[in-house]
């Protein structure tokens, strides 16, 4: 992750283990967190088309994650190649800079894909995390931060 100035921020995203991840088995872990930066992905056209393609979902700031979940649920496999890296730039104008909107999108996404979570504990944990992120974003906004 790099900042608006192009320098590394020190932040690291969790990375999936190298190798093949079978969709149905990986869906629950993918439900819990999205370790896949959209700029790092190559998607087979038939896999994306079979689940309705990219975008248009009810969670506008989580459309990539929504696609990964639909692809996993449909049984398609994922391959993680650690040598293929990208630099993810964070800047104030970026879509992910609005943490409140991002958290609201994640809450919608988690509700939409709740069946992938496995047990109720995972769904409740996701809901708590999303609501906590929404509350923190509201507090930052109220404090002018």
N, C-alpha and C. Protein backbone atom coordinates (compact mmCIF):
# COMPACT_ATOMS: atom_id res chain seq x y z
N UNK A 1 0.85 -1.17 0.00
CA UNK A 1 0.00 0.00 0.00
C UNK A 1 0.90 1.23 0.00
N UNK A 2 0.59 2.16 -0.91
CA UNK A 2 1.33 3.42 -0.98
C UNK A 2 0.37 4.58 -0.78
N UNK A 3 0.90 5.69 -0.33
CA UNK A 3 0.10 6.89 -0.13
C UNK A 3 -0.02 7.68 -1.42
N UNK A 4 -0.68 8.83 -1.32
CA UNK A 4 -0.87 9.69 -2.48
C UNK A 4 0.46 10.13 -3.09
N UNK A 5 1.51 10.18 -2.26
CA UNK A 5 2.83 10.58 -2.73
C UNK A 5 3.63 9.44 -3.36
N UNK A 6 3.05 8.23 -3.36
CA UNK A 6 3.72 7.07 -3.95
C UNK A 6 4.63 6.32 -3.00
N UNK A 7 4.79 6.82 -1.77
CA UNK A 7 5.66 6.13 -0.80
C UNK A 7 4.86 5.10 -0.02
N UNK A 8 5.56 4.02 0.35
CA UNK A 8 4.90 2.96 1.10
C UNK A 8 4.40 3.49 2.43
N UNK A 9 3.19 3.04 2.82
CA UNK A 9 2.58 3.50 4.07
C UNK A 9 2.92 2.58 5.24
N UNK A 10 3.40 1.40 4.95
CA UNK A 10 3.64 0.41 6.00
C UNK A 10 2.45 -0.52 6.19
N UNK A 11 1.31 -0.15 5.63
CA UNK A 11 0.12 -1.00 5.72
C UNK A 11 0.28 -2.19 4.78
N UNK A 12 -0.14 -3.35 5.23
CA UNK A 12 -0.10 -4.55 4.39
C UNK A 12 -1.47 -5.20 4.43
N UNK A 13 -1.93 -5.63 3.29
CA UNK A 13 -3.17 -6.42 3.24
C UNK A 13 -2.84 -7.86 3.51
N UNK A 14 -3.76 -8.54 4.15
CA UNK A 14 -3.61 -9.98 4.32
C UNK A 14 -3.58 -10.62 2.93
N UNK A 15 -2.73 -11.60 2.77
CA UNK A 15 -2.61 -12.27 1.48
C UNK A 15 -3.10 -13.70 1.61
N UNK A 16 -3.86 -14.18 0.65
CA UNK A 16 -4.25 -15.59 0.69
C UNK A 16 -3.00 -16.45 0.51
N UNK A 17 -3.07 -17.66 0.99
CA UNK A 17 -1.96 -18.59 0.80
C UNK A 17 -1.73 -18.81 -0.69
N UNK A 18 -0.50 -19.05 -1.05
CA UNK A 18 -0.16 -19.33 -2.45
C UNK A 18 -0.86 -20.61 -2.89
N UNK A 19 -1.22 -20.64 -4.16
CA UNK A 19 -1.79 -21.85 -4.73
C UNK A 19 -3.27 -21.76 -5.01
N UNK A 20 -3.85 -22.91 -5.21
CA UNK A 20 -5.25 -23.03 -5.62
C UNK A 20 -6.19 -23.01 -4.42
N UNK A 21 -7.27 -22.25 -4.56
CA UNK A 21 -8.32 -22.17 -3.54
C UNK A 21 -9.62 -22.56 -4.23
N UNK A 22 -10.18 -23.67 -3.82
CA UNK A 22 -11.44 -24.12 -4.40
C UNK A 22 -12.56 -23.20 -3.92
N UNK A 23 -13.39 -22.75 -4.84
CA UNK A 23 -14.42 -21.77 -4.54
C UNK A 23 -15.30 -22.07 -3.35
N UNK A 24 -16.01 -23.21 -3.34
CA UNK A 24 -16.92 -23.47 -2.23
C UNK A 24 -16.22 -23.56 -0.88
N UNK A 25 -15.02 -24.14 -0.85
CA UNK A 25 -14.30 -24.26 0.40
C UNK A 25 -13.74 -22.91 0.87
N UNK A 26 -13.44 -22.04 -0.08
CA UNK A 26 -12.84 -20.76 0.25
C UNK A 26 -13.87 -19.67 0.51
N UNK A 27 -15.12 -19.93 0.16
CA UNK A 27 -16.16 -18.90 0.24
C UNK A 27 -16.33 -18.33 1.65
N UNK A 28 -16.29 -19.18 2.67
CA UNK A 28 -16.49 -18.69 4.04
C UNK A 28 -15.36 -17.75 4.45
N UNK A 29 -14.12 -18.09 4.12
CA UNK A 29 -12.99 -17.21 4.46
C UNK A 29 -13.09 -15.91 3.67
N UNK A 30 -13.49 -16.00 2.43
CA UNK A 30 -13.63 -14.82 1.59
C UNK A 30 -14.79 -13.94 2.08
N UNK A 31 -15.81 -14.56 2.64
CA UNK A 31 -16.92 -13.80 3.24
C UNK A 31 -16.41 -12.94 4.39
N UNK A 32 -15.51 -13.50 5.19
CA UNK A 32 -15.02 -12.79 6.37
C UNK A 32 -14.16 -11.59 6.02
N UNK A 33 -13.37 -11.69 4.95
CA UNK A 33 -12.49 -10.58 4.57
C UNK A 33 -12.14 -10.70 3.10
N UNK A 34 -11.91 -9.56 2.49
CA UNK A 34 -11.54 -9.53 1.07
C UNK A 34 -10.05 -9.22 0.94
N UNK A 35 -9.22 -10.24 0.75
CA UNK A 35 -7.79 -10.00 0.62
C UNK A 35 -7.34 -9.78 -0.83
N UNK A 36 -8.29 -9.49 -1.73
CA UNK A 36 -7.99 -9.45 -3.15
C UNK A 36 -8.14 -8.03 -3.69
N UNK A 37 -7.04 -7.29 -3.89
CA UNK A 37 -7.16 -5.97 -4.52
C UNK A 37 -7.61 -6.15 -5.98
N UNK A 38 -8.61 -5.42 -6.37
CA UNK A 38 -9.19 -5.60 -7.70
C UNK A 38 -8.15 -5.40 -8.80
N UNK A 39 -7.18 -4.55 -8.58
CA UNK A 39 -6.17 -4.31 -9.61
C UNK A 39 -5.20 -5.47 -9.78
N UNK A 40 -5.29 -6.46 -8.91
CA UNK A 40 -4.37 -7.60 -8.99
C UNK A 40 -4.99 -8.82 -9.67
N UNK A 41 -6.19 -8.69 -10.20
CA UNK A 41 -6.96 -9.86 -10.62
C UNK A 41 -7.03 -10.02 -12.14
N UNK A 42 -6.91 -11.26 -12.55
CA UNK A 42 -7.27 -11.68 -13.91
C UNK A 42 -8.41 -12.66 -13.71
N UNK A 43 -9.53 -12.43 -14.37
CA UNK A 43 -10.71 -13.28 -14.21
C UNK A 43 -11.06 -13.92 -15.54
N UNK A 44 -11.33 -15.21 -15.50
CA UNK A 44 -11.78 -15.88 -16.72
C UNK A 44 -13.14 -15.31 -17.11
N UNK A 45 -13.30 -14.95 -18.36
CA UNK A 45 -14.54 -14.36 -18.84
C UNK A 45 -15.74 -15.26 -18.55
N UNK A 46 -15.59 -16.58 -18.79
CA UNK A 46 -16.72 -17.48 -18.57
C UNK A 46 -17.11 -17.54 -17.09
N UNK A 47 -16.15 -17.43 -16.17
CA UNK A 47 -16.46 -17.44 -14.74
C UNK A 47 -17.25 -16.19 -14.37
N UNK A 48 -16.78 -15.02 -14.82
CA UNK A 48 -17.48 -13.78 -14.52
C UNK A 48 -18.88 -13.75 -15.15
N UNK A 49 -18.97 -14.16 -16.39
CA UNK A 49 -20.25 -14.14 -17.09
C UNK A 49 -21.25 -15.10 -16.45
N UNK A 50 -20.76 -16.24 -15.95
CA UNK A 50 -21.67 -17.24 -15.38
C UNK A 50 -22.36 -16.75 -14.12
N UNK A 51 -21.82 -15.70 -13.47
CA UNK A 51 -22.43 -15.18 -12.24
C UNK A 51 -22.99 -13.77 -12.42
N UNK A 52 -23.11 -13.33 -13.66
CA UNK A 52 -23.73 -12.04 -13.93
C UNK A 52 -22.77 -10.89 -14.13
N UNK A 53 -21.47 -11.14 -14.09
CA UNK A 53 -20.50 -10.11 -14.38
C UNK A 53 -20.22 -9.16 -13.24
N UNK A 54 -19.47 -8.14 -13.57
CA UNK A 54 -19.00 -7.17 -12.59
C UNK A 54 -19.96 -6.01 -12.47
N UNK A 55 -20.16 -5.53 -11.26
CA UNK A 55 -20.92 -4.31 -11.03
C UNK A 55 -22.42 -4.51 -10.97
N UNK A 56 -23.07 -3.42 -10.64
CA UNK A 56 -24.52 -3.42 -10.60
C UNK A 56 -25.13 -3.99 -9.34
N UNK A 57 -24.31 -4.40 -8.39
CA UNK A 57 -24.83 -4.98 -7.17
C UNK A 57 -25.31 -3.93 -6.18
N UNK A 58 -25.89 -4.38 -5.08
CA UNK A 58 -26.45 -3.46 -4.09
C UNK A 58 -25.40 -2.82 -3.18
N UNK A 59 -24.13 -3.22 -3.30
CA UNK A 59 -23.08 -2.68 -2.45
C UNK A 59 -22.06 -1.96 -3.34
N UNK A 60 -22.30 -0.70 -3.68
CA UNK A 60 -21.50 -0.03 -4.71
C UNK A 60 -20.00 0.03 -4.43
N UNK A 61 -19.58 0.11 -3.19
CA UNK A 61 -18.15 0.18 -2.92
C UNK A 61 -17.55 -1.19 -2.63
N UNK A 62 -18.30 -2.22 -2.88
CA UNK A 62 -17.79 -3.58 -2.67
C UNK A 62 -18.14 -4.47 -3.86
N UNK A 63 -18.23 -3.87 -5.05
CA UNK A 63 -18.62 -4.64 -6.23
C UNK A 63 -17.60 -5.71 -6.58
N UNK A 64 -16.33 -5.43 -6.36
CA UNK A 64 -15.32 -6.45 -6.63
C UNK A 64 -15.48 -7.62 -5.68
N UNK A 65 -15.64 -7.35 -4.39
CA UNK A 65 -15.81 -8.39 -3.39
C UNK A 65 -17.08 -9.20 -3.68
N UNK A 66 -18.13 -8.52 -4.07
CA UNK A 66 -19.37 -9.20 -4.43
C UNK A 66 -19.12 -10.19 -5.58
N UNK A 67 -18.36 -9.77 -6.57
CA UNK A 67 -18.05 -10.66 -7.69
C UNK A 67 -17.25 -11.86 -7.21
N UNK A 68 -16.23 -11.64 -6.37
CA UNK A 68 -15.42 -12.77 -5.88
C UNK A 68 -16.32 -13.77 -5.15
N UNK A 69 -17.24 -13.26 -4.33
CA UNK A 69 -18.12 -14.16 -3.58
C UNK A 69 -19.06 -14.94 -4.49
N UNK A 70 -19.59 -14.26 -5.51
CA UNK A 70 -20.46 -14.97 -6.45
C UNK A 70 -19.69 -16.02 -7.23
N UNK A 71 -18.46 -15.71 -7.62
CA UNK A 71 -17.63 -16.67 -8.34
C UNK A 71 -17.31 -17.87 -7.45
N UNK A 72 -16.95 -17.61 -6.20
CA UNK A 72 -16.66 -18.71 -5.27
C UNK A 72 -17.88 -19.57 -5.03
N UNK A 73 -19.02 -18.93 -4.80
CA UNK A 73 -20.26 -19.68 -4.55
C UNK A 73 -20.66 -20.54 -5.74
N UNK A 74 -20.31 -20.09 -6.94
CA UNK A 74 -20.65 -20.85 -8.14
C UNK A 74 -19.70 -22.03 -8.37
N UNK A 75 -18.67 -22.14 -7.52
CA UNK A 75 -17.79 -23.29 -7.61
C UNK A 75 -16.51 -23.09 -8.38
N UNK A 76 -16.23 -21.87 -8.80
CA UNK A 76 -14.99 -21.60 -9.53
C UNK A 76 -13.82 -21.50 -8.56
N UNK A 77 -12.66 -21.95 -8.99
CA UNK A 77 -11.46 -21.91 -8.16
C UNK A 77 -10.72 -20.59 -8.34
N UNK A 78 -9.90 -20.26 -7.37
CA UNK A 78 -9.05 -19.08 -7.38
C UNK A 78 -7.61 -19.54 -7.27
N UNK A 79 -6.71 -18.82 -7.91
CA UNK A 79 -5.30 -19.14 -7.84
C UNK A 79 -4.55 -17.91 -7.35
N UNK A 80 -3.80 -18.08 -6.27
CA UNK A 80 -2.99 -16.97 -5.75
C UNK A 80 -1.54 -17.20 -6.17
N UNK A 81 -0.99 -16.21 -6.84
CA UNK A 81 0.40 -16.25 -7.30
C UNK A 81 1.13 -15.12 -6.59
N UNK A 82 1.82 -15.42 -5.49
CA UNK A 82 2.44 -14.35 -4.68
C UNK A 82 3.45 -13.49 -5.42
N UNK A 83 4.05 -14.02 -6.47
CA UNK A 83 5.04 -13.24 -7.22
C UNK A 83 4.39 -12.11 -8.02
N UNK A 84 3.11 -12.20 -8.28
CA UNK A 84 2.38 -11.16 -9.01
C UNK A 84 1.89 -10.13 -7.99
N UNK A 85 2.53 -8.98 -7.97
CA UNK A 85 2.20 -7.97 -6.97
C UNK A 85 1.74 -6.67 -7.63
N UNK A 86 1.00 -5.90 -6.87
CA UNK A 86 0.56 -4.58 -7.31
C UNK A 86 0.85 -3.59 -6.18
N UNK A 87 0.86 -2.33 -6.53
CA UNK A 87 0.94 -1.27 -5.53
C UNK A 87 -0.45 -0.65 -5.45
N UNK A 88 -1.04 -0.68 -4.27
CA UNK A 88 -2.38 -0.12 -4.06
C UNK A 88 -2.20 1.28 -3.49
N UNK A 89 -2.71 2.27 -4.20
CA UNK A 89 -2.54 3.66 -3.77
C UNK A 89 -3.76 4.12 -2.97
N UNK A 90 -3.50 4.63 -1.79
CA UNK A 90 -4.54 5.26 -0.98
C UNK A 90 -4.38 6.78 -1.12
N UNK A 91 -5.50 7.44 -1.42
CA UNK A 91 -5.47 8.90 -1.48
C UNK A 91 -6.84 9.43 -1.08
N UNK A 92 -6.93 10.68 -0.65
CA UNK A 92 -8.18 11.23 -0.11
C UNK A 92 -9.36 11.20 -1.07
N UNK A 93 -9.12 11.18 -2.37
CA UNK A 93 -10.21 11.18 -3.33
C UNK A 93 -10.64 9.76 -3.73
N UNK A 94 -9.95 8.75 -3.24
CA UNK A 94 -10.26 7.36 -3.60
C UNK A 94 -11.58 6.91 -3.01
N UNK A 95 -12.21 5.95 -3.68
CA UNK A 95 -13.49 5.43 -3.21
C UNK A 95 -13.39 4.86 -1.80
N UNK A 96 -12.28 4.21 -1.48
CA UNK A 96 -12.16 3.60 -0.16
C UNK A 96 -11.83 4.61 0.93
N UNK A 97 -11.63 5.88 0.58
CA UNK A 97 -11.36 6.90 1.59
C UNK A 97 -12.59 7.21 2.43
N UNK A 98 -13.77 7.02 1.88
CA UNK A 98 -15.02 7.24 2.63
C UNK A 98 -15.31 5.97 3.41
N UNK A 99 -14.75 5.88 4.61
CA UNK A 99 -14.84 4.64 5.38
C UNK A 99 -16.27 4.32 5.80
N UNK A 100 -17.09 5.33 5.98
CA UNK A 100 -18.49 5.09 6.33
C UNK A 100 -19.24 4.44 5.19
N UNK A 101 -19.09 4.99 3.99
CA UNK A 101 -19.74 4.40 2.81
C UNK A 101 -19.21 3.00 2.54
N UNK A 102 -17.92 2.81 2.73
CA UNK A 102 -17.33 1.49 2.53
C UNK A 102 -17.90 0.49 3.52
N UNK A 103 -18.02 0.88 4.78
CA UNK A 103 -18.58 -0.01 5.81
C UNK A 103 -20.05 -0.32 5.53
N UNK A 104 -20.80 0.67 5.06
CA UNK A 104 -22.22 0.42 4.73
C UNK A 104 -22.32 -0.57 3.56
N UNK A 105 -21.44 -0.43 2.58
CA UNK A 105 -21.43 -1.38 1.45
C UNK A 105 -21.08 -2.79 1.93
N UNK A 106 -20.12 -2.87 2.85
CA UNK A 106 -19.73 -4.17 3.39
C UNK A 106 -20.88 -4.81 4.15
N UNK A 107 -21.64 -4.01 4.89
CA UNK A 107 -22.79 -4.54 5.63
C UNK A 107 -23.81 -5.12 4.66
N UNK A 108 -24.11 -4.40 3.58
CA UNK A 108 -25.04 -4.89 2.56
C UNK A 108 -24.50 -6.17 1.93
N UNK A 109 -23.22 -6.18 1.61
CA UNK A 109 -22.59 -7.36 1.02
C UNK A 109 -22.70 -8.56 1.96
N UNK A 110 -22.41 -8.36 3.24
CA UNK A 110 -22.48 -9.46 4.20
C UNK A 110 -23.91 -9.97 4.35
N UNK A 111 -24.88 -9.09 4.30
CA UNK A 111 -26.27 -9.54 4.37
C UNK A 111 -26.64 -10.33 3.12
N UNK A 112 -26.19 -9.87 1.97
CA UNK A 112 -26.52 -10.53 0.71
C UNK A 112 -25.92 -11.94 0.63
N UNK A 113 -24.73 -12.12 1.16
CA UNK A 113 -24.02 -13.39 1.03
C UNK A 113 -23.95 -14.16 2.36
N UNK A 114 -24.87 -13.91 3.26
CA UNK A 114 -24.83 -14.52 4.59
C UNK A 114 -24.77 -16.05 4.54
N UNK A 115 -25.36 -16.65 3.54
CA UNK A 115 -25.36 -18.12 3.45
C UNK A 115 -23.95 -18.68 3.30
N UNK A 116 -23.02 -17.88 2.81
CA UNK A 116 -21.64 -18.35 2.61
C UNK A 116 -20.85 -18.37 3.91
N UNK A 117 -21.35 -17.70 4.93
CA UNK A 117 -20.60 -17.53 6.17
C UNK A 117 -20.42 -18.83 6.95
N UNK A 118 -21.24 -19.80 6.68
CA UNK A 118 -21.16 -21.02 7.47
C UNK A 118 -22.06 -20.91 8.67
N UNK A 119 -21.48 -20.71 9.83
CA UNK A 119 -22.29 -20.66 11.05
C UNK A 119 -22.73 -19.23 11.37
N UNK A 120 -23.65 -19.11 12.31
CA UNK A 120 -24.16 -17.81 12.72
C UNK A 120 -23.11 -16.94 13.36
N UNK A 121 -22.11 -17.56 13.94
CA UNK A 121 -21.04 -16.81 14.60
C UNK A 121 -20.30 -15.92 13.60
N UNK A 122 -20.00 -16.45 12.42
CA UNK A 122 -19.28 -15.67 11.40
C UNK A 122 -20.14 -14.52 10.90
N UNK A 123 -21.43 -14.75 10.73
CA UNK A 123 -22.33 -13.67 10.29
C UNK A 123 -22.40 -12.57 11.34
N UNK A 124 -22.53 -12.98 12.60
CA UNK A 124 -22.61 -11.98 13.68
C UNK A 124 -21.31 -11.19 13.79
N UNK A 125 -20.17 -11.86 13.64
CA UNK A 125 -18.88 -11.17 13.71
C UNK A 125 -18.75 -10.15 12.59
N UNK A 126 -19.17 -10.51 11.38
CA UNK A 126 -19.11 -9.59 10.25
C UNK A 126 -20.03 -8.40 10.50
N UNK A 127 -21.23 -8.67 10.97
CA UNK A 127 -22.18 -7.58 11.24
C UNK A 127 -21.64 -6.63 12.31
N UNK A 128 -21.07 -7.19 13.38
CA UNK A 128 -20.48 -6.35 14.43
C UNK A 128 -19.35 -5.48 13.88
N UNK A 129 -18.47 -6.09 13.09
CA UNK A 129 -17.35 -5.33 12.52
C UNK A 129 -17.85 -4.22 11.60
N UNK A 130 -18.83 -4.52 10.77
CA UNK A 130 -19.37 -3.52 9.85
C UNK A 130 -20.05 -2.39 10.60
N UNK A 131 -20.86 -2.73 11.58
CA UNK A 131 -21.55 -1.69 12.36
C UNK A 131 -20.56 -0.86 13.16
N UNK A 132 -19.52 -1.50 13.69
CA UNK A 132 -18.48 -0.76 14.40
C UNK A 132 -17.77 0.21 13.48
N UNK A 133 -17.47 -0.21 12.26
CA UNK A 133 -16.81 0.67 11.29
C UNK A 133 -17.71 1.83 10.91
N UNK A 134 -19.01 1.58 10.78
CA UNK A 134 -19.96 2.66 10.48
C UNK A 134 -19.98 3.66 11.64
N UNK A 135 -20.02 3.17 12.87
CA UNK A 135 -20.05 4.05 14.04
C UNK A 135 -18.77 4.87 14.14
N UNK A 136 -17.61 4.25 13.90
CA UNK A 136 -16.35 4.99 13.95
C UNK A 136 -16.30 6.07 12.87
N UNK A 137 -16.81 5.77 11.69
CA UNK A 137 -16.82 6.76 10.61
C UNK A 137 -17.74 7.93 10.97
N UNK A 138 -18.88 7.64 11.57
CA UNK A 138 -19.80 8.71 11.99
C UNK A 138 -19.16 9.59 13.07
N UNK A 139 -18.46 8.94 13.99
CA UNK A 139 -17.80 9.70 15.05
C UNK A 139 -16.71 10.59 14.47
N UNK A 140 -15.89 10.06 13.57
CA UNK A 140 -14.84 10.88 12.92
C UNK A 140 -15.47 12.07 12.19
N UNK A 141 -16.59 11.82 11.52
CA UNK A 141 -17.26 12.89 10.79
C UNK A 141 -17.78 13.95 11.76
N UNK A 142 -18.37 13.51 12.86
CA UNK A 142 -18.90 14.45 13.84
C UNK A 142 -17.80 15.28 14.49
N UNK A 143 -16.62 14.67 14.63
CA UNK A 143 -15.48 15.38 15.22
C UNK A 143 -14.69 16.19 14.20
N UNK A 144 -15.10 16.10 12.93
CA UNK A 144 -14.43 16.85 11.88
C UNK A 144 -13.09 16.27 11.46
N UNK A 145 -12.92 14.96 11.61
CA UNK A 145 -11.64 14.33 11.25
C UNK A 145 -11.74 13.60 9.96
